[in-house]
PDB file of N, CA and C in Angstrom:
ATOM      1  N   GLN A   1      58.648 -21.333 -10.337  1.00  0.00           N
ATOM      2  CA  GLN A   1      58.631 -19.954  -9.908  1.00  0.00           C
ATOM      3  C   GLN A   1      59.289 -19.092 -10.972  1.00  0.00           C
ATOM      4  N   GLN A   2      58.833 -17.854 -11.045  1.00  0.00           N
ATOM      5  CA  GLN A   2      59.365 -16.939 -12.042  1.00  0.00           C
ATOM      6  C   GLN A   2      59.439 -15.532 -11.448  1.00  0.00           C
ATOM      7  N   VAL A   3      60.537 -14.863 -11.727  1.00  0.00           N
ATOM      8  CA  VAL A   3      60.703 -13.486 -11.287  1.00  0.00           C
ATOM      9  C   VAL A   3      59.978 -12.571 -12.264  1.00  0.00           C
ATOM     10  N   ILE A   4      59.131 -11.702 -11.712  1.00  0.00           N
ATOM     11  CA  ILE A   4      58.428 -10.698 -12.508  1.00  0.00           C
ATOM     12  C   ILE A   4      58.616  -9.381 -11.765  1.00  0.00           C
ATOM     13  N   GLY A   5      59.435  -8.511 -12.322  1.00  0.00           N
ATOM     14  CA  GLY A   5      59.741  -7.263 -11.631  1.00  0.00           C
ATOM     15  C   GLY A   5      60.411  -7.552 -10.310  1.00  0.00           C
ATOM     16  N   TRP A   6      59.827  -7.037  -9.231  1.00  0.00           N
ATOM     17  CA  TRP A   6      60.373  -7.245  -7.890  1.00  0.00           C
ATOM     18  C   TRP A   6      59.789  -8.469  -7.207  1.00  0.00           C
ATOM     19  N   PHE A   7      58.945  -9.208  -7.901  1.00  0.00           N
ATOM     20  CA  PHE A   7      58.203 -10.294  -7.274  1.00  0.00           C
ATOM     21  C   PHE A   7      58.645 -11.651  -7.798  1.00  0.00           C
ATOM     22  N   ILE A   8      58.419 -12.669  -6.990  1.00  0.00           N
ATOM     23  CA  ILE A   8      58.606 -14.055  -7.420  1.00  0.00           C
ATOM     24  C   ILE A   8      57.224 -14.686  -7.415  1.00  0.00           C
ATOM     25  N   ALA A   9      56.755 -15.051  -8.604  1.00  0.00           N
ATOM     26  CA  ALA A   9      55.436 -15.661  -8.750  1.00  0.00           C
ATOM     27  C   ALA A   9      55.579 -17.177  -8.619  1.00  0.00           C
ATOM     28  N   ASP A  10      54.588 -17.800  -7.993  1.00  0.00           N
ATOM     29  CA  ASP A  10      54.637 -19.251  -7.800  1.00  0.00           C
ATOM     30  C   ASP A  10      54.530 -19.999  -9.126  1.00  0.00           C
ATOM     31  N   PHE A  11      53.477 -19.733  -9.889  1.00  0.00           N
ATOM     32  CA  PHE A  11      53.262 -20.395 -11.175  1.00  0.00           C
ATOM     33  C   PHE A  11      52.806 -19.344 -12.176  1.00  0.00           C
ATOM     34  N   VAL A  12      53.377 -19.392 -13.378  1.00  0.00           N
ATOM     35  CA  VAL A  12      53.067 -18.375 -14.388  1.00  0.00           C
ATOM     36  C   VAL A  12      52.784 -19.045 -15.721  1.00  0.00           C
ATOM     37  N   CYS A  13      51.719 -18.587 -16.382  1.00  0.00           N
ATOM     38  CA  CYS A  13      51.439 -18.960 -17.759  1.00  0.00           C
ATOM     39  C   CYS A  13      51.569 -17.665 -18.564  1.00  0.00           C
ATOM     40  N   PRO A  14      52.754 -17.425 -19.162  1.00  0.00           N
ATOM     41  CA  PRO A  14      52.974 -16.164 -19.867  1.00  0.00           C
ATOM     42  C   PRO A  14      52.001 -15.929 -21.010  1.00  0.00           C
ATOM     43  N   SER A  15      51.643 -16.958 -21.756  1.00  0.00           N
ATOM     44  CA  SER A  15      50.761 -16.759 -22.910  1.00  0.00           C
ATOM     45  C   SER A  15      49.366 -16.315 -22.502  1.00  0.00           C
ATOM     46  N   ALA A  16      48.913 -16.722 -21.312  1.00  0.00           N
ATOM     47  CA  ALA A  16      47.599 -16.323 -20.818  1.00  0.00           C
ATOM     48  C   ALA A  16      47.705 -15.143 -19.852  1.00  0.00           C
ATOM     49  N   ARG A  17      48.941 -14.713 -19.567  1.00  0.00           N
ATOM     50  CA  ARG A  17      49.187 -13.613 -18.614  1.00  0.00           C
ATOM     51  C   ARG A  17      48.527 -13.923 -17.268  1.00  0.00           C
ATOM     52  N   LEU A  18      48.666 -15.197 -16.845  1.00  0.00           N
ATOM     53  CA  LEU A  18      48.027 -15.674 -15.627  1.00  0.00           C
ATOM     54  C   LEU A  18      49.085 -16.110 -14.616  1.00  0.00           C
ATOM     55  N   ILE A  19      48.892 -15.679 -13.386  1.00  0.00           N
ATOM     56  CA  ILE A  19      49.747 -16.086 -12.273  1.00  0.00           C
ATOM     57  C   ILE A  19      48.879 -16.816 -11.270  1.00  0.00           C
ATOM     58  N   VAL A  20      49.362 -17.965 -10.808  1.00  0.00           N
ATOM     59  CA  VAL A  20      48.689 -18.710  -9.746  1.00  0.00           C
ATOM     60  C   VAL A  20      49.594 -18.649  -8.516  1.00  0.00           C
ATOM     61  N   GLU A  21      49.067 -18.084  -7.460  1.00  0.00           N
ATOM     62  CA  GLU A  21      49.789 -17.982  -6.202  1.00  0.00           C
ATOM     63  C   GLU A  21      49.212 -18.987  -5.221  1.00  0.00           C
ATOM     64  N   VAL A  22      50.085 -19.746  -4.577  1.00  0.00           N
ATOM     65  CA  VAL A  22      49.666 -20.694  -3.545  1.00  0.00           C
ATOM     66  C   VAL A  22      50.036 -20.084  -2.205  1.00  0.00           C
ATOM     67  N   ASP A  23      49.018 -19.763  -1.428  1.00  0.00           N
ATOM     68  CA  ASP A  23      49.210 -19.037  -0.181  1.00  0.00           C
ATOM     69  C   ASP A  23      49.202 -19.962   1.025  1.00  0.00           C
ATOM     70  N   GLY A  24      50.191 -19.764   1.867  1.00  0.00           N
ATOM     71  CA  GLY A  24      50.242 -20.462   3.144  1.00  0.00           C
ATOM     72  C   GLY A  24      49.727 -19.568   4.245  1.00  0.00           C
ATOM     73  N   ASP A  25      49.995 -19.951   5.464  1.00  0.00           N
ATOM     74  CA  ASP A  25      49.493 -19.220   6.616  1.00  0.00           C
ATOM     75  C   ASP A  25      50.178 -17.864   6.817  1.00  0.00           C
ATOM     76  N   THR A  26      51.323 -17.645   6.194  1.00  0.00           N
ATOM     77  CA  THR A  26      52.093 -16.425   6.449  1.00  0.00           C
ATOM     78  C   THR A  26      51.734 -15.269   5.526  1.00  0.00           C
ATOM     79  N   HIS A  27      50.861 -15.481   4.562  1.00  0.00           N
ATOM     80  CA  HIS A  27      50.520 -14.412   3.624  1.00  0.00           C
ATOM     81  C   HIS A  27      49.669 -13.353   4.306  1.00  0.00           C
ATOM     82  N   GLU A  28      49.976 -12.106   3.973  1.00  0.00           N
ATOM     83  CA  GLU A  28      49.233 -10.973   4.527  1.00  0.00           C
ATOM     84  C   GLU A  28      48.376 -10.371   3.430  1.00  0.00           C
ATOM     85  N   ALA A  29      47.083 -10.290   3.683  1.00  0.00           N
ATOM     86  CA  ALA A  29      46.129  -9.851   2.664  1.00  0.00           C
ATOM     87  C   ALA A  29      46.456  -8.459   2.128  1.00  0.00           C
ATOM     88  N   GLU A  30      46.851  -7.543   2.989  1.00  0.00           N
ATOM     89  CA  GLU A  30      47.138  -6.173   2.541  1.00  0.00           C
ATOM     90  C   GLU A  30      48.331  -6.149   1.582  1.00  0.00           C
ATOM     91  N   ALA A  31      49.386  -6.855   1.917  1.00  0.00           N
ATOM     92  CA  ALA A  31      50.558  -6.910   1.041  1.00  0.00           C
ATOM     93  C   ALA A  31      50.215  -7.628  -0.260  1.00  0.00           C
ATOM     94  N   ASP A  32      49.420  -8.694  -0.176  1.00  0.00           N
ATOM     95  CA  ASP A  32      49.019  -9.422  -1.377  1.00  0.00           C
ATOM     96  C   ASP A  32      48.192  -8.539  -2.303  1.00  0.00           C
ATOM     97  N   THR A  33      47.329  -7.711  -1.743  1.00  0.00           N
ATOM     98  CA  THR A  33      46.493  -6.820  -2.550  1.00  0.00           C
ATOM     99  C   THR A  33      47.358  -5.837  -3.330  1.00  0.00           C
ATOM    100  N   ALA A  34      48.341  -5.253  -2.663  1.00  0.00           N
ATOM    101  CA  ALA A  34      49.237  -4.307  -3.338  1.00  0.00           C
ATOM    102  C   ALA A  34      50.072  -5.011  -4.412  1.00  0.00           C
ATOM    103  N   ARG A  35      50.536  -6.198  -4.110  1.00  0.00           N
ATOM    104  CA  ARG A  35      51.332  -6.985  -5.054  1.00  0.00           C
ATOM    105  C   ARG A  35      50.498  -7.352  -6.280  1.00  0.00           C
ATOM    106  N   ASP A  36      49.272  -7.828  -6.042  1.00  0.00           N
ATOM    107  CA  ASP A  36      48.388  -8.204  -7.146  1.00  0.00           C
ATOM    108  C   ASP A  36      48.068  -6.996  -8.026  1.00  0.00           C
ATOM    109  N   ALA A  37      47.891  -5.829  -7.399  1.00  0.00           N
ATOM    110  CA  ALA A  37      47.604  -4.619  -8.165  1.00  0.00           C
ATOM    111  C   ALA A  37      48.787  -4.260  -9.070  1.00  0.00           C
ATOM    112  N   GLU A  38      49.992  -4.365  -8.558  1.00  0.00           N
ATOM    113  CA  GLU A  38      51.178  -4.064  -9.369  1.00  0.00           C
ATOM    114  C   GLU A  38      51.321  -5.066 -10.505  1.00  0.00           C
ATOM    115  N   LEU A  39      51.111  -6.331 -10.229  1.00  0.00           N
ATOM    116  CA  LEU A  39      51.175  -7.341 -11.291  1.00  0.00           C
ATOM    117  C   LEU A  39      50.075  -7.103 -12.319  1.00  0.00           C
ATOM    118  N   GLY A  40      48.918  -6.646 -11.869  1.00  0.00           N
ATOM    119  CA  GLY A  40      47.829  -6.298 -12.780  1.00  0.00           C
ATOM    120  C   GLY A  40      48.220  -5.156 -13.702  1.00  0.00           C
ATOM    121  N   ARG A  41      48.938  -4.171 -13.171  1.00  0.00           N
ATOM    122  CA  ARG A  41      49.402  -3.055 -14.010  1.00  0.00           C
ATOM    123  C   ARG A  41      50.391  -3.535 -15.065  1.00  0.00           C
ATOM    124  N   GLN A  42      51.036  -4.666 -14.789  1.00  0.00           N
ATOM    125  CA  GLN A  42      51.973  -5.245 -15.752  1.00  0.00           C
ATOM    126  C   GLN A  42      51.266  -6.199 -16.724  1.00  0.00           C
ATOM    127  N   GLY A  43      49.948  -6.285 -16.610  1.00  0.00           N
ATOM    128  CA  GLY A  43      49.165  -7.074 -17.549  1.00  0.00           C
ATOM    129  C   GLY A  43      48.856  -8.496 -17.118  1.00  0.00           C
ATOM    130  N   PHE A  44      49.131  -8.830 -15.868  1.00  0.00           N
ATOM    131  CA  PHE A  44      48.864 -10.177 -15.375  1.00  0.00           C
ATOM    132  C   PHE A  44      47.570 -10.222 -14.565  1.00  0.00           C
ATOM    133  N   ARG A  45      46.913 -11.366 -14.601  1.00  0.00           N
ATOM    134  CA  ARG A  45      45.815 -11.660 -13.682  1.00  0.00           C
ATOM    135  C   ARG A  45      46.371 -12.619 -12.651  1.00  0.00           C
ATOM    136  N   VAL A  46      46.000 -12.430 -11.411  1.00  0.00           N
ATOM    137  CA  VAL A  46      46.499 -13.281 -10.328  1.00  0.00           C
ATOM    138  C   VAL A  46      45.315 -14.003  -9.705  1.00  0.00           C
ATOM    139  N   ILE A  47      45.444 -15.314  -9.598  1.00  0.00           N
ATOM    140  CA  ILE A  47      44.472 -16.066  -8.813  1.00  0.00           C
ATOM    141  C   ILE A  47      45.226 -16.674  -7.647  1.00  0.00           C
ATOM    142  N   ARG A  48      44.546 -16.776  -6.543  1.00  0.00           N
ATOM    143  CA  ARG A  48      45.158 -17.293  -5.324  1.00  0.00           C
ATOM    144  C   ARG A  48      44.404 -18.517  -4.840  1.00  0.00           C
ATOM    145  N   VAL A  49      45.179 -19.509  -4.478  1.00  0.00           N
ATOM    146  CA  VAL A  49      44.638 -20.712  -3.855  1.00  0.00           C
ATOM    147  C   VAL A  49      45.428 -20.943  -2.578  1.00  0.00           C
ATOM    148  N   THR A  50      44.864 -21.685  -1.662  1.00  0.00           N
ATOM    149  CA  THR A  50      45.561 -21.932  -0.402  1.00  0.00           C
ATOM    150  C   THR A  50      46.313 -23.256  -0.447  1.00  0.00           C
ATOM    151  N   ASN A  51      47.320 -23.363   0.410  1.00  0.00           N
ATOM    152  CA  ASN A  51      48.017 -24.642   0.560  1.00  0.00           C
ATOM    153  C   ASN A  51      47.021 -25.743   0.916  1.00  0.00           C
ATOM    154  N   HIS A  52      46.076 -25.385   1.780  1.00  0.00           N
ATOM    155  CA  HIS A  52      45.067 -26.363   2.209  1.00  0.00           C
ATOM    156  C   HIS A  52      44.297 -26.907   0.995  1.00  0.00           C
ATOM    157  N   ASP A  53      43.877 -26.004   0.097  1.00  0.00           N
ATOM    158  CA  ASP A  53      43.148 -26.454  -1.092  1.00  0.00           C
ATOM    159  C   ASP A  53      44.021 -27.329  -1.995  1.00  0.00           C
ATOM    160  N   VAL A  54      45.269 -26.976  -2.144  1.00  0.00           N
ATOM    161  CA  VAL A  54      46.165 -27.786  -2.982  1.00  0.00           C
ATOM    162  C   VAL A  54      46.296 -29.189  -2.409  1.00  0.00           C
ATOM    163  N   MET A  55      46.398 -29.278  -1.087  1.00  0.00           N
ATOM    164  CA  MET A  55      46.588 -30.587  -0.459  1.00  0.00           C
ATOM    165  C   MET A  55      45.289 -31.378  -0.315  1.00  0.00           C
ATOM    166  N   ARG A  56      44.157 -30.687  -0.170  1.00  0.00           N
ATOM    167  CA  ARG A  56      42.905 -31.378   0.128  1.00  0.00           C
ATOM    168  C   ARG A  56      41.863 -31.308  -0.986  1.00  0.00           C
ATOM    169  N   ASN A  57      42.056 -30.400  -1.941  1.00  0.00           N
ATOM    170  CA  ASN A  57      41.050 -30.202  -2.988  1.00  0.00           C
ATOM    171  C   ASN A  57      41.725 -29.860  -4.313  1.00  0.00           C
ATOM    172  N   VAL A  58      42.651 -30.691  -4.729  1.00  0.00           N
ATOM    173  CA  VAL A  58      43.423 -30.388  -5.938  1.00  0.00           C
ATOM    174  C   VAL A  58      42.526 -30.338  -7.177  1.00  0.00           C
ATOM    175  N   GLU A  59      41.462 -31.123  -7.197  1.00  0.00           N
ATOM    176  CA  GLU A  59      40.548 -31.080  -8.345  1.00  0.00           C
ATOM    177  C   GLU A  59      39.880 -29.710  -8.439  1.00  0.00           C
ATOM    178  N   GLY A  60      39.480 -29.161  -7.322  1.00  0.00           N
ATOM    179  CA  GLY A  60      38.889 -27.831  -7.304  1.00  0.00           C
ATOM    180  C   GLY A  60      39.880 -26.767  -7.749  1.00  0.00           C
ATOM    181  N   VAL A  61      41.139 -26.926  -7.352  1.00  0.00           N
ATOM    182  CA  VAL A  61      42.189 -25.996  -7.774  1.00  0.00           C
ATOM    183  C   VAL A  61      42.364 -26.069  -9.292  1.00  0.00           C
ATOM    184  N   LYS A  62      42.368 -27.279  -9.826  1.00  0.00           N
ATOM    185  CA  LYS A  62      42.505 -27.422 -11.283  1.00  0.00           C
ATOM    186  C   LYS A  62      41.342 -26.775 -12.022  1.00  0.00           C
ATOM    187  N   VAL A  63      40.142 -26.940 -11.517  1.00  0.00           N
ATOM    188  CA  VAL A  63      38.970 -26.320 -12.146  1.00  0.00           C
ATOM    189  C   VAL A  63      39.104 -24.801 -12.111  1.00  0.00           C
ATOM    190  N   THR A  64      39.542 -24.255 -10.993  1.00  0.00           N
ATOM    191  CA  THR A  64      39.727 -22.811 -10.868  1.00  0.00           C
ATOM    192  C   THR A  64      40.739 -22.300 -11.889  1.00  0.00           C
ATOM    193  N   ILE A  65      41.838 -23.014 -12.053  1.00  0.00           N
ATOM    194  CA  ILE A  65      42.866 -22.616 -13.022  1.00  0.00           C
ATOM    195  C   ILE A  65      42.326 -22.719 -14.445  1.00  0.00           C
ATOM    196  N   LEU A  66      41.637 -23.799 -14.756  1.00  0.00           N
ATOM    197  CA  LEU A  66      41.077 -23.956 -16.105  1.00  0.00           C
ATOM    198  C   LEU A  66      40.062 -22.864 -16.417  1.00  0.00           C
ATOM    199  N   GLN A  67      39.240 -22.508 -15.448  1.00  0.00           N
ATOM    200  CA  GLN A  67      38.278 -21.429 -15.662  1.00  0.00           C
ATOM    201  C   GLN A  67      38.989 -20.107 -15.915  1.00  0.00           C
ATOM    202  N   ALA A  68      40.061 -19.862 -15.200  1.00  0.00           N
ATOM    203  CA  ALA A  68      40.833 -18.636 -15.423  1.00  0.00           C
ATOM    204  C   ALA A  68      41.467 -18.644 -16.807  1.00  0.00           C
ATOM    205  N   LEU A  69      41.958 -19.794 -17.253  1.00  0.00           N
ATOM    206  CA  LEU A  69      42.544 -19.889 -18.592  1.00  0.00           C
ATOM    207  C   LEU A  69      41.489 -19.671 -19.674  1.00  0.00           C
ATOM    208  N   GLU A  70      40.272 -20.138 -19.426  1.00  0.00           N
ATOM    209  CA  GLU A  70      39.189 -19.940 -20.400  1.00  0.00           C
ATOM    210  C   GLU A  70      38.858 -18.467 -20.565  1.00  0.00           C
ATOM    211  N   ARG A  71      39.090 -17.679 -19.524  1.00  0.00           N
ATOM    212  CA  ARG A  71      38.819 -16.233 -19.584  1.00  0.00           C
ATOM    213  C   ARG A  71      40.020 -15.450 -20.099  1.00  0.00           C
ATOM    214  N   ALA A  72      41.106 -16.117 -20.450  1.00  0.00           N
ATOM    215  CA  ALA A  72      42.302 -15.428 -20.939  1.00  0.00           C
ATOM    216  C   ALA A  72      42.017 -14.754 -22.270  1.00  0.00           C
ATOM    217  N   ASP A  73      42.715 -13.654 -22.514  1.00  0.00           N
ATOM    218  CA  ASP A  73      42.532 -12.910 -23.766  1.00  0.00           C
ATOM    219  C   ASP A  73      42.982 -13.693 -24.982  1.00  0.00           C
ATOM    220  N   SER A  74      44.001 -14.520 -24.817  1.00  0.00           N
ATOM    221  CA  SER A  74      44.482 -15.327 -25.935  1.00  0.00           C
ATOM    222  C   SER A  74      44.391 -16.794 -25.540  1.00  0.00           C
ATOM    223  N   PRO A  75      44.104 -17.641 -26.497  1.00  0.00           N
ATOM    224  CA  PRO A  75      43.950 -19.074 -26.167  1.00  0.00           C
ATOM    225  C   PRO A  75      45.270 -19.685 -25.727  1.00  0.00           C
ATOM    226  N   HIS A  76      45.192 -20.556 -24.763  1.00  0.00           N
ATOM    227  CA  HIS A  76      46.373 -21.284 -24.317  1.00  0.00           C
ATOM    228  C   HIS A  76      46.567 -22.482 -25.229  1.00  0.00           C
ATOM    229  N   PRO A  77      47.804 -22.770 -25.633  1.00  0.00           N
ATOM    230  CA  PRO A  77      48.024 -23.876 -26.571  1.00  0.00           C
ATOM    231  C   PRO A  77      47.738 -25.256 -25.998  1.00  0.00           C
ATOM    232  N   ASN A  78      47.733 -25.404 -24.665  1.00  0.00           N
ATOM    233  CA  ASN A  78      47.556 -26.718 -24.071  1.00  0.00           C
ATOM    234  C   ASN A  78      46.783 -26.604 -22.772  1.00  0.00           C
ATOM    235  N   PRO A  79      45.470 -26.346 -22.837  1.00  0.00           N
ATOM    236  CA  PRO A  79      44.706 -26.140 -21.591  1.00  0.00           C
ATOM    237  C   PRO A  79      44.573 -27.400 -20.754  1.00  0.00           C
TER     238      PRO A  79
END
């Protein structure tokens, strides 16, 4: 986890300006939208995956993260 402004991000790749958020049942879409917009203004892209996907479809989660890294403005040193 990493503090970014007023937020605590679950996973951050600073070189790719990518944040991966793992959402449980308590996340509220409206609050997440506002949070993602603020992080976007700070130059980050946010992708969200669910706890369910992490526990039941980790390969799919990895593919999603790798695809997001491939779209990063700068290459990641260790994709």
